[in-house]
Structure formats: C-alpha cells, structure tokens
Amino acid sequence: MGHPLIPDLSKLTIDELTNKISDLQSRITYAYRTGNTGVLGQLQLIMQDYQEEMSNRNRRQLEELEKNSKNFKNIIDIQ
C-alpha cells in the first residue's frame, strides 16, 4: 500500500526517480537529526514507495534483458 499523497511514480523518468530518492534521503537524515519523529515516519513511508518503484523497474529491466539476450540462456547460477 502506497502513501496516499504520492503521485503516480510510473510517470517519472529514472533520473527523476533517482533524484527524488536522493532528496528524500537528505530529508530523512535532517528529520532524524532534529528528532522530528512525525515527519520522519511519513518520509520513510514515502521512501518505501519510491524504492519499491525503483526495484520494480530494475526487476522488469532484468527480465527484459534475460528474455532478449542469448547470453542468459542455459546458465546455471551457482552461488
């Protein structure tokens, strides 16, 4: 469930999303330093939405690469 005041993140470019995450990290740091727990909680909820959107985009991009690339076929990944 997303924060109710967050716009549609799918309309943002990767650069805009990255810049917004960076800005939110700075705001979270400031809220933490000043002890403003109410704002801190809200910023963390918003950050989760942005990070989830970034994660979904990265996952979709990897799936697309795996689908279209011959280099990923028949690979056994042992870690």
Protein backbone atom coordinates (compact mmCIF):
# COMPACT_ATOMS: atom_id res chain seq x y z
CA MET A 1 0.00 0.00 0.00
CA GLY A 2 1.38 3.34 -1.01
CA HIS A 3 1.36 6.67 0.72
CA PRO A 4 -1.91 8.45 -0.17
CA LEU A 5 -0.21 11.70 -1.22
CA ILE A 6 2.29 10.16 -3.64
CA PRO A 7 1.67 10.83 -7.35
CA ASP A 8 1.86 8.11 -9.99
CA LEU A 9 5.54 7.15 -9.89
CA SER A 10 5.40 5.25 -13.16
CA LYS A 11 5.31 8.59 -14.99
CA LEU A 12 8.73 9.62 -13.64
CA THR A 13 11.94 9.02 -15.55
CA ILE A 14 14.75 7.00 -13.95
CA ASP A 15 16.71 10.22 -13.38
CA GLU A 16 13.76 11.93 -11.72
CA LEU A 17 13.16 8.88 -9.53
CA THR A 18 16.83 8.71 -8.55
CA ASN A 19 16.93 12.43 -7.74
CA LYS A 20 13.78 12.16 -5.64
CA ILE A 21 15.21 9.22 -3.67
CA SER A 22 18.38 11.21 -3.02
CA ASP A 23 16.33 14.22 -1.88
CA LEU A 24 14.23 12.03 0.41
CA GLN A 25 17.39 10.53 1.95
CA SER A 26 18.61 14.05 2.78
CA ARG A 27 15.24 14.95 4.29
CA ILE A 28 15.16 11.75 6.34
CA THR A 29 18.64 12.50 7.68
CA TYR A 30 17.59 16.02 8.63
CA ALA A 31 14.38 14.80 10.31
CA TYR A 32 16.36 12.19 12.23
CA ARG A 33 18.93 14.75 13.41
CA THR A 34 16.25 17.18 14.57
CA GLY A 35 14.24 14.47 16.30
CA ASN A 36 11.08 15.16 14.32
CA THR A 37 9.64 11.64 14.53
CA GLY A 38 6.28 12.52 12.96
CA VAL A 39 7.90 13.80 9.80
CA LEU A 40 10.46 11.01 9.88
CA GLY A 41 7.76 8.35 9.82
CA GLN A 42 5.98 9.96 6.88
CA LEU A 43 9.21 10.38 4.94
CA GLN A 44 10.08 6.74 5.50
CA LEU A 45 6.69 5.67 4.13
CA ILE A 46 7.22 7.84 1.06
CA MET A 47 10.76 6.48 0.63
CA GLN A 48 9.42 2.93 0.63
CA ASP A 49 7.13 3.78 -2.28
CA TYR A 50 9.95 5.31 -4.31
CA GLN A 51 12.33 2.43 -3.57
CA GLU A 52 9.66 -0.10 -4.47
CA GLU A 53 9.10 1.64 -7.81
CA MET A 54 12.85 1.63 -8.50
CA SER A 55 13.08 -2.05 -7.55
CA ASN A 56 10.18 -2.94 -9.83
CA ARG A 57 11.77 -1.09 -12.74
CA ASN A 58 15.11 -2.82 -12.16
CA ARG A 59 13.39 -6.21 -12.00
CA ARG A 60 11.46 -5.56 -15.23
CA GLN A 61 14.63 -4.40 -16.97
CA LEU A 62 16.50 -7.55 -15.89
CA GLU A 63 13.63 -9.75 -17.05
CA GLU A 64 13.64 -7.99 -20.41
CA LEU A 65 17.41 -8.50 -20.74
CA GLU A 66 17.10 -12.16 -19.85
CA LYS A 67 14.30 -12.59 -22.35
CA ASN A 68 16.10 -10.87 -25.23
CA SER A 69 19.69 -11.91 -24.60
CA LYS A 70 21.27 -15.14 -25.73
CA ASN A 71 23.93 -14.76 -23.03
CA PHE A 72 21.43 -15.54 -20.26
CA LYS A 73 20.07 -18.76 -21.75
CA ASN A 74 21.01 -22.12 -20.26
CA ILE A 75 23.10 -20.62 -17.48
CA ILE A 76 23.44 -22.46 -14.22
CA ASP A 77 23.90 -19.91 -11.44
CA ILE A 78 25.77 -21.41 -8.51
CA GLN A 79 26.42 -19.08 -5.64
